[in-house]
Amino acid sequence: MRPFHALTNHARIYLGVGSPSDFVFKAYREARAKTDLDRDKRIFWETLFRGENDAYVKMLENVFYGTFFLGAVPRLDIEKSLPRMELLIPAPTAYGTDPWPVARRHRDRLLVALQQNGFDVSAEHSMFKSDAAIDVLPRLLIRAHDTVKHWASDLLARVQEYVGYYLARYVSVKKFRGVKVRPFTRDELRLLYEQLKRERELQAGASNTPNMLEP
């Protein structure tokens, strides 16, 4: 686990004395004192910089970046790498402070979530594109993805059966499953649409019934 300022260029000059954001306010005071400051820099310090509420300042003072490897998913016996977990820890970064109590709380919450929800390797996407990488997703998300695919396949089959039924009536063919149709011309599509529309209205029992085939 490393403080945010250790991930920036500030790590080269920070000596562990005072707040990690002191250099930012020093640069701010120096810029405000100059009369010949560059226009872009003046705009930044006078309009964009938000002082103690600046996002960069808050990250310098209150953010740690933590990582650990976790063997909590299947298929790790096929020369794949362990998944790396990354955490953003909201804890003071000043020298001498102890961020580990906060880090442990967030780490334990993540481990409980892993145990409750379960994770699995995705059977799609990019798991076979790299020998060193696998896609790990919550098991619930994978099940939802598979369910939607099943629904889409079932809906497609029903639409094909419905259209095939009407096409079979027009061409007087009893076996209409797997019917292949050449691309319709614009006029043919218009005629087919109008015919289906009329038949839908007749089936509904009234000519003024709302059209269910309107796109």
C-alpha atoms as a PDB file:
ATOM      1  CA  MET A   1       0.000   0.000   0.000  1.00  0.00           C
ATOM      2  CA  ARG A   2       1.362   3.389  -1.019  1.00  0.00           C
ATOM      3  CA  PRO A   3       0.161   6.960  -0.423  1.00  0.00           C
ATOM      4  CA  PHE A   4      -1.108   8.801  -3.453  1.00  0.00           C
ATOM      5  CA  HIS A   5       1.825  11.219  -3.517  1.00  0.00           C
ATOM      6  CA  ALA A   6       4.178   8.223  -3.855  1.00  0.00           C
ATOM      7  CA  LEU A   7       2.549   7.557  -7.233  1.00  0.00           C
ATOM      8  CA  THR A   8       3.256  11.069  -8.545  1.00  0.00           C
ATOM      9  CA  ASN A   9       6.379  13.066  -9.357  1.00  0.00           C
ATOM     10  CA  HIS A  10       6.116  14.573  -5.877  1.00  0.00           C
ATOM     11  CA  ALA A  11       7.675  11.370  -4.526  1.00  0.00           C
ATOM     12  CA  ARG A  12      11.058  12.648  -5.744  1.00  0.00           C
ATOM     13  CA  ILE A  13      11.061  15.682  -3.465  1.00  0.00           C
ATOM     14  CA  TYR A  14       8.846  14.808  -0.512  1.00  0.00           C
ATOM     15  CA  LEU A  15      10.949  14.224   2.600  1.00  0.00           C
ATOM     16  CA  GLY A  16       8.199  13.156   4.970  1.00  0.00           C
ATOM     17  CA  VAL A  17       8.078  16.526   6.728  1.00  0.00           C
ATOM     18  CA  GLY A  18       4.762  18.346   6.969  1.00  0.00           C
ATOM     19  CA  SER A  19       1.740  17.713   4.791  1.00  0.00           C
ATOM     20  CA  PRO A  20       2.264  16.123   1.355  1.00  0.00           C
ATOM     21  CA  SER A  21       0.277  19.014  -0.160  1.00  0.00           C
ATOM     22  CA  ASP A  22       2.461  21.795   1.291  1.00  0.00           C
ATOM     23  CA  PHE A  23       4.317  22.174  -1.996  1.00  0.00           C
ATOM     24  CA  VAL A  24       1.057  22.895  -3.793  1.00  0.00           C
ATOM     25  CA  PHE A  25       0.159  25.789  -1.487  1.00  0.00           C
ATOM     26  CA  LYS A  26       3.734  27.083  -1.697  1.00  0.00           C
ATOM     27  CA  ALA A  27       3.437  27.209  -5.494  1.00  0.00           C
ATOM     28  CA  TYR A  28       0.034  28.879  -5.097  1.00  0.00           C
ATOM     29  CA  ARG A  29       1.409  31.645  -2.846  1.00  0.00           C
ATOM     30  CA  GLU A  30       4.341  32.243  -5.166  1.00  0.00           C
ATOM     31  CA  ALA A  31       2.053  32.477  -8.187  1.00  0.00           C
ATOM     32  CA  ARG A  32      -0.255  34.961  -6.458  1.00  0.00           C
ATOM     33  CA  ALA A  33       2.745  37.137  -5.535  1.00  0.00           C
ATOM     34  CA  LYS A  34       4.024  37.388  -9.114  1.00  0.00           C
ATOM     35  CA  THR A  35       2.915  40.260 -11.322  1.00  0.00           C
ATOM     36  CA  ASP A  36       4.280  38.846 -14.580  1.00  0.00           C
ATOM     37  CA  LEU A  37       2.740  35.391 -14.261  1.00  0.00           C
ATOM     38  CA  ASP A  38       1.959  33.544 -17.478  1.00  0.00           C
ATOM     39  CA  ARG A  39      -1.688  33.937 -18.532  1.00  0.00           C
ATOM     40  CA  ASP A  40      -2.501  30.225 -18.502  1.00  0.00           C
ATOM     41  CA  LYS A  41      -0.952  29.767 -15.050  1.00  0.00           C
ATOM     42  CA  ARG A  42      -2.825  32.771 -13.702  1.00  0.00           C
ATOM     43  CA  ILE A  43      -6.110  31.360 -14.991  1.00  0.00           C
ATOM     44  CA  PHE A  44      -5.324  28.028 -13.341  1.00  0.00           C
ATOM     45  CA  TRP A  45      -4.429  29.433  -9.913  1.00  0.00           C
ATOM     46  CA  GLU A  46      -7.170  32.065  -9.854  1.00  0.00           C
ATOM     47  CA  THR A  47     -10.095  30.138 -11.321  1.00  0.00           C
ATOM     48  CA  LEU A  48      -9.395  26.386 -11.365  1.00  0.00           C
ATOM     49  CA  PHE A  49      -7.462  25.770  -8.157  1.00  0.00           C
ATOM     50  CA  ARG A  50      -9.846  25.275  -5.233  1.00  0.00           C
ATOM     51  CA  GLY A  51      -7.467  25.531  -2.286  1.00  0.00           C
ATOM     52  CA  GLU A  52      -8.119  23.033   0.498  1.00  0.00           C
ATOM     53  CA  ASN A  53     -11.113  21.698  -1.426  1.00  0.00           C
ATOM     54  CA  ASP A  54      -9.069  20.955  -4.546  1.00  0.00           C
ATOM     55  CA  ALA A  55      -9.394  17.306  -5.599  1.00  0.00           C
ATOM     56  CA  TYR A  56      -5.631  16.891  -6.123  1.00  0.00           C
ATOM     57  CA  VAL A  57      -4.908  18.337  -2.682  1.00  0.00           C
ATOM     58  CA  LYS A  58      -7.421  16.026  -1.038  1.00  0.00           C
ATOM     59  CA  MET A  59      -5.907  13.002  -2.766  1.00  0.00           C
ATOM     60  CA  LEU A  60      -2.424  13.998  -1.664  1.00  0.00           C
ATOM     61  CA  GLU A  61      -3.587  14.262   1.926  1.00  0.00           C
ATOM     62  CA  ASN A  62      -6.198  11.502   2.234  1.00  0.00           C
ATOM     63  CA  VAL A  63      -5.748   8.702  -0.310  1.00  0.00           C
ATOM     64  CA  PHE A  64      -3.724   5.496  -0.275  1.00  0.00           C
ATOM     65  CA  TYR A  65      -3.502   3.062  -3.173  1.00  0.00           C
ATOM     66  CA  GLY A  66      -3.535  -0.573  -2.087  1.00  0.00           C
ATOM     67  CA  THR A  67      -3.229  -3.822  -4.026  1.00  0.00           C
ATOM     68  CA  PHE A  68      -3.131  -7.508  -3.195  1.00  0.00           C
ATOM     69  CA  PHE A  69      -3.444 -10.796  -5.041  1.00  0.00           C
ATOM     70  CA  LEU A  70      -6.315 -13.111  -4.237  1.00  0.00           C
ATOM     71  CA  GLY A  71      -6.781 -16.749  -5.218  1.00  0.00           C
ATOM     72  CA  ALA A  72     -10.586 -16.670  -5.049  1.00  0.00           C
ATOM     73  CA  VAL A  73     -11.599 -17.761  -8.535  1.00  0.00           C
ATOM     74  CA  PRO A  74     -11.494 -21.072 -10.457  1.00  0.00           C
ATOM     75  CA  ARG A  75      -9.274 -21.958 -13.420  1.00  0.00           C
ATOM     76  CA  LEU A  76      -6.077 -20.806 -11.758  1.00  0.00           C
ATOM     77  CA  ASP A  77      -4.410 -24.138 -12.534  1.00  0.00           C
ATOM     78  CA  ILE A  78      -3.991 -23.437 -16.249  1.00  0.00           C
ATOM     79  CA  GLU A  79      -0.964 -21.143 -16.060  1.00  0.00           C
ATOM     80  CA  LYS A  80      -3.017 -18.016 -15.446  1.00  0.00           C
ATOM     81  CA  SER A  81      -2.026 -15.186 -13.135  1.00  0.00           C
ATOM     82  CA  LEU A  82      -3.788 -14.519  -9.841  1.00  0.00           C
ATOM     83  CA  PRO A  83      -6.254 -11.617 -10.043  1.00  0.00           C
ATOM     84  CA  ARG A  84      -4.959  -8.401  -8.513  1.00  0.00           C
ATOM     85  CA  MET A  85      -7.373  -6.497  -6.301  1.00  0.00           C
ATOM     86  CA  GLU A  86      -6.999  -2.714  -6.159  1.00  0.00           C
ATOM     87  CA  LEU A  87      -8.339  -0.555  -3.345  1.00  0.00           C
ATOM     88  CA  LEU A  88      -8.581   3.200  -2.857  1.00  0.00           C
ATOM     89  CA  ILE A  89      -8.081   3.767   0.872  1.00  0.00           C
ATOM     90  CA  PRO A  90      -9.433   7.035   2.378  1.00  0.00           C
ATOM     91  CA  ALA A  91      -6.863   7.598   5.122  1.00  0.00           C
ATOM     92  CA  PRO A  92      -4.518  10.494   6.072  1.00  0.00           C
ATOM     93  CA  THR A  93      -1.177  10.277   4.252  1.00  0.00           C
ATOM     94  CA  ALA A  94       0.874  12.561   6.508  1.00  0.00           C
ATOM     95  CA  TYR A  95       4.139  11.024   7.693  1.00  0.00           C
ATOM     96  CA  GLY A  96       3.698   8.961  10.867  1.00  0.00           C
ATOM     97  CA  THR A  97       0.002   8.167  10.426  1.00  0.00           C
ATOM     98  CA  ASP A  98      -1.200   4.566  10.339  1.00  0.00           C
ATOM     99  CA  PRO A  99      -3.565   3.780   7.431  1.00  0.00           C
ATOM    100  CA  TRP A 100      -3.797   0.050   8.104  1.00  0.00           C
ATOM    101  CA  PRO A 101      -6.887   0.054  10.372  1.00  0.00           C
ATOM    102  CA  VAL A 102      -8.872   1.779   7.597  1.00  0.00           C
ATOM    103  CA  ALA A 103      -7.314  -0.439   4.919  1.00  0.00           C
ATOM    104  CA  ARG A 104      -8.180  -3.619   6.807  1.00  0.00           C
ATOM    105  CA  ARG A 105     -11.811  -2.507   7.149  1.00  0.00           C
ATOM    106  CA  HIS A 106     -12.171  -1.960   3.411  1.00  0.00           C
ATOM    107  CA  ARG A 107     -10.231  -5.119   2.600  1.00  0.00           C
ATOM    108  CA  ASP A 108     -12.435  -7.223   4.867  1.00  0.00           C
ATOM    109  CA  ARG A 109     -15.571  -5.709   3.306  1.00  0.00           C
ATOM    110  CA  LEU A 110     -14.301  -6.698  -0.127  1.00  0.00           C
ATOM    111  CA  LEU A 111     -13.525 -10.253   1.019  1.00  0.00           C
ATOM    112  CA  VAL A 112     -17.009 -10.621   2.505  1.00  0.00           C
ATOM    113  CA  ALA A 113     -18.504  -9.389  -0.779  1.00  0.00           C
ATOM    114  CA  LEU A 114     -16.455 -11.974  -2.673  1.00  0.00           C
ATOM    115  CA  GLN A 115     -17.680 -14.738  -0.372  1.00  0.00           C
ATOM    116  CA  GLN A 116     -21.323 -13.673  -0.573  1.00  0.00           C
ATOM    117  CA  ASN A 117     -21.580 -12.972  -4.303  1.00  0.00           C
ATOM    118  CA  GLY A 118     -19.039 -15.379  -5.697  1.00  0.00           C
ATOM    119  CA  PHE A 119     -16.810 -14.692  -8.682  1.00  0.00           C
ATOM    120  CA  ASP A 120     -16.148 -16.728 -11.767  1.00  0.00           C
ATOM    121  CA  VAL A 121     -14.112 -16.589 -14.945  1.00  0.00           C
ATOM    122  CA  SER A 122     -16.037 -15.177 -17.882  1.00  0.00           C
ATOM    123  CA  ALA A 123     -16.482 -17.680 -20.690  1.00  0.00           C
ATOM    124  CA  GLU A 124     -16.541 -14.885 -23.255  1.00  0.00           C
ATOM    125  CA  HIS A 125     -14.881 -11.567 -23.938  1.00  0.00           C
ATOM    126  CA  SER A 126     -11.063 -11.730 -23.748  1.00  0.00           C
ATOM    127  CA  MET A 127     -10.159 -14.647 -21.498  1.00  0.00           C
ATOM    128  CA  PHE A 128      -8.451 -16.535 -24.357  1.00  0.00           C
ATOM    129  CA  LYS A 129      -6.731 -13.546 -25.960  1.00  0.00           C
ATOM    130  CA  SER A 130      -3.828 -13.488 -23.531  1.00  0.00           C
ATOM    131  CA  ASP A 131      -2.085 -16.330 -21.747  1.00  0.00           C
ATOM    132  CA  ALA A 132      -1.530 -14.170 -18.660  1.00  0.00           C
ATOM    133  CA  ALA A 133      -4.970 -12.567 -18.305  1.00  0.00           C
ATOM    134  CA  ILE A 134      -8.453 -13.747 -17.478  1.00  0.00           C
ATOM    135  CA  ASP A 135     -11.740 -11.887 -17.083  1.00  0.00           C
ATOM    136  CA  VAL A 136     -13.153 -12.290 -13.594  1.00  0.00           C
ATOM    137  CA  LEU A 137     -16.736 -11.138 -13.036  1.00  0.00           C
ATOM    138  CA  PRO A 138     -19.304 -11.519 -10.242  1.00  0.00           C
ATOM    139  CA  ARG A 139     -21.088 -14.827 -10.666  1.00  0.00           C
ATOM    140  CA  LEU A 140     -24.460 -13.041 -10.546  1.00  0.00           C
ATOM    141  CA  LEU A 141     -23.430 -10.837 -13.474  1.00  0.00           C
ATOM    142  CA  ILE A 142     -22.374 -13.877 -15.509  1.00  0.00           C
ATOM    143  CA  ARG A 143     -25.726 -15.575 -14.814  1.00  0.00           C
ATOM    144  CA  ALA A 144     -27.596 -12.412 -15.813  1.00  0.00           C
ATOM    145  CA  HIS A 145     -25.577 -12.246 -19.035  1.00  0.00           C
ATOM    146  CA  ASP A 146     -26.369 -15.873 -19.861  1.00  0.00           C
ATOM    147  CA  THR A 147     -30.056 -15.337 -19.050  1.00  0.00           C
ATOM    148  CA  VAL A 148     -30.323 -12.356 -21.379  1.00  0.00           C
ATOM    149  CA  LYS A 149     -28.630 -14.347 -24.150  1.00  0.00           C
ATOM    150  CA  HIS A 150     -31.187 -17.149 -23.639  1.00  0.00           C
ATOM    151  CA  TRP A 151     -34.060 -14.669 -23.781  1.00  0.00           C
ATOM    152  CA  ALA A 152     -32.651 -13.071 -26.928  1.00  0.00           C
ATOM    153  CA  SER A 153     -32.312 -16.462 -28.606  1.00  0.00           C
ATOM    154  CA  ASP A 154     -35.858 -17.426 -27.632  1.00  0.00           C
ATOM    155  CA  LEU A 155     -37.260 -14.098 -28.845  1.00  0.00           C
ATOM    156  CA  LEU A 156     -35.409 -14.437 -32.151  1.00  0.00           C
ATOM    157  CA  ALA A 157     -36.822 -17.936 -32.640  1.00  0.00           C
ATOM    158  CA  ARG A 158     -40.358 -16.702 -31.925  1.00  0.00           C
ATOM    159  CA  VAL A 159     -40.027 -13.790 -34.351  1.00  0.00           C
ATOM    160  CA  GLN A 160     -38.670 -16.094 -37.043  1.00  0.00           C
ATOM    161  CA  GLU A 161     -41.552 -18.520 -36.444  1.00  0.00           C
ATOM    162  CA  TYR A 162     -44.097 -15.691 -36.593  1.00  0.00           C
ATOM    163  CA  VAL A 163     -42.710 -14.235 -39.805  1.00  0.00           C
ATOM    164  CA  GLY A 164     -42.268 -17.710 -41.264  1.00  0.00           C
ATOM    165  CA  TYR A 165     -45.923 -18.473 -40.555  1.00  0.00           C
ATOM    166  CA  TYR A 166     -47.100 -15.504 -42.608  1.00  0.00           C
ATOM    167  CA  LEU A 167     -44.582 -16.142 -45.378  1.00  0.00           C
ATOM    168  CA  ALA A 168     -45.737 -19.760 -45.561  1.00  0.00           C
ATOM    169  CA  ARG A 169     -49.323 -18.615 -46.010  1.00  0.00           C
ATOM    170  CA  TYR A 170     -48.330 -16.404 -48.907  1.00  0.00           C
ATOM    171  CA  VAL A 171     -46.210 -18.989 -50.699  1.00  0.00           C
ATOM    172  CA  SER A 172     -48.537 -21.921 -49.823  1.00  0.00           C
ATOM    173  CA  VAL A 173     -45.802 -23.956 -48.180  1.00  0.00           C
ATOM    174  CA  LYS A 174     -46.697 -26.160 -45.246  1.00  0.00           C
ATOM    175  CA  LYS A 175     -43.187 -26.422 -43.858  1.00  0.00           C
ATOM    176  CA  PHE A 176     -42.184 -22.910 -42.998  1.00  0.00           C
ATOM    177  CA  ARG A 177     -39.389 -23.465 -40.461  1.00  0.00           C
ATOM    178  CA  GLY A 178     -35.997 -22.293 -41.651  1.00  0.00           C
ATOM    179  CA  VAL A 179     -37.454 -20.318 -44.573  1.00  0.00           C
ATOM    180  CA  LYS A 180     -34.813 -18.180 -46.265  1.00  0.00           C
ATOM    181  CA  VAL A 181     -35.929 -14.931 -47.862  1.00  0.00           C
ATOM    182  CA  ARG A 182     -33.995 -12.801 -50.305  1.00  0.00           C
ATOM    183  CA  PRO A 183     -33.657  -9.118 -49.385  1.00  0.00           C
ATOM    184  CA  PHE A 184     -36.988  -7.363 -49.950  1.00  0.00           C
ATOM    185  CA  THR A 185     -37.265  -4.322 -52.129  1.00  0.00           C
ATOM    186  CA  ARG A 186     -38.646  -1.151 -50.606  1.00  0.00           C
ATOM    187  CA  ASP A 187     -42.030  -1.622 -52.282  1.00  0.00           C
ATOM    188  CA  GLU A 188     -42.239  -5.260 -51.217  1.00  0.00           C
ATOM    189  CA  LEU A 189     -41.522  -4.381 -47.611  1.00  0.00           C
ATOM    190  CA  ARG A 190     -44.204  -1.700 -47.715  1.00  0.00           C
ATOM    191  CA  LEU A 191     -46.762  -4.134 -49.118  1.00  0.00           C
ATOM    192  CA  LEU A 192     -45.879  -6.810 -46.547  1.00  0.00           C
ATOM    193  CA  TYR A 193     -46.118  -4.302 -43.734  1.00  0.00           C
ATOM    194  CA  GLU A 194     -49.528  -3.044 -44.863  1.00  0.00           C
ATOM    195  CA  GLN A 195     -50.849  -6.601 -45.172  1.00  0.00           C
ATOM    196  CA  LEU A 196     -49.603  -7.595 -41.707  1.00  0.00           C
ATOM    197  CA  LYS A 197     -51.070  -4.402 -40.321  1.00  0.00           C
ATOM    198  CA  ARG A 198     -54.511  -5.137 -41.787  1.00  0.00           C
ATOM    199  CA  GLU A 199     -54.479  -8.723 -40.532  1.00  0.00           C
ATOM    200  CA  ARG A 200     -53.445  -7.606 -37.046  1.00  0.00           C
ATOM    201  CA  GLU A 201     -56.348  -5.146 -36.970  1.00  0.00           C
ATOM    202  CA  LEU A 202     -58.775  -7.823 -38.108  1.00  0.00           C
ATOM    203  CA  GLN A 203     -57.531 -10.225 -35.436  1.00  0.00           C
ATOM    204  CA  ALA A 204     -58.037  -7.514 -32.821  1.00  0.00           C
ATOM    205  CA  GLY A 205     -61.693  -7.220 -33.872  1.00  0.00           C
ATOM    206  CA  ALA A 206     -61.720  -3.553 -34.858  1.00  0.00           C
ATOM    207  CA  SER A 207     -60.161  -1.493 -37.600  1.00  0.00           C
ATOM    208  CA  ASN A 208     -59.222   1.273 -35.168  1.00  0.00           C
ATOM    209  CA  THR A 209     -57.253  -0.948 -32.825  1.00  0.00           C
ATOM    210  CA  PRO A 210     -53.759   0.484 -32.038  1.00  0.00           C
ATOM    211  CA  ASN A 211     -51.274  -0.990 -34.456  1.00  0.00           C
ATOM    212  CA  MET A 212     -48.899  -3.409 -32.701  1.00  0.00           C
ATOM    213  CA  LEU A 213     -46.510  -3.512 -35.660  1.00  0.00           C
ATOM    214  CA  GLU A 214     -45.683   0.159 -35.687  1.00  0.00           C
ATOM    215  CA  PRO A 215     -41.894   0.527 -35.426  1.00  0.00           C
END
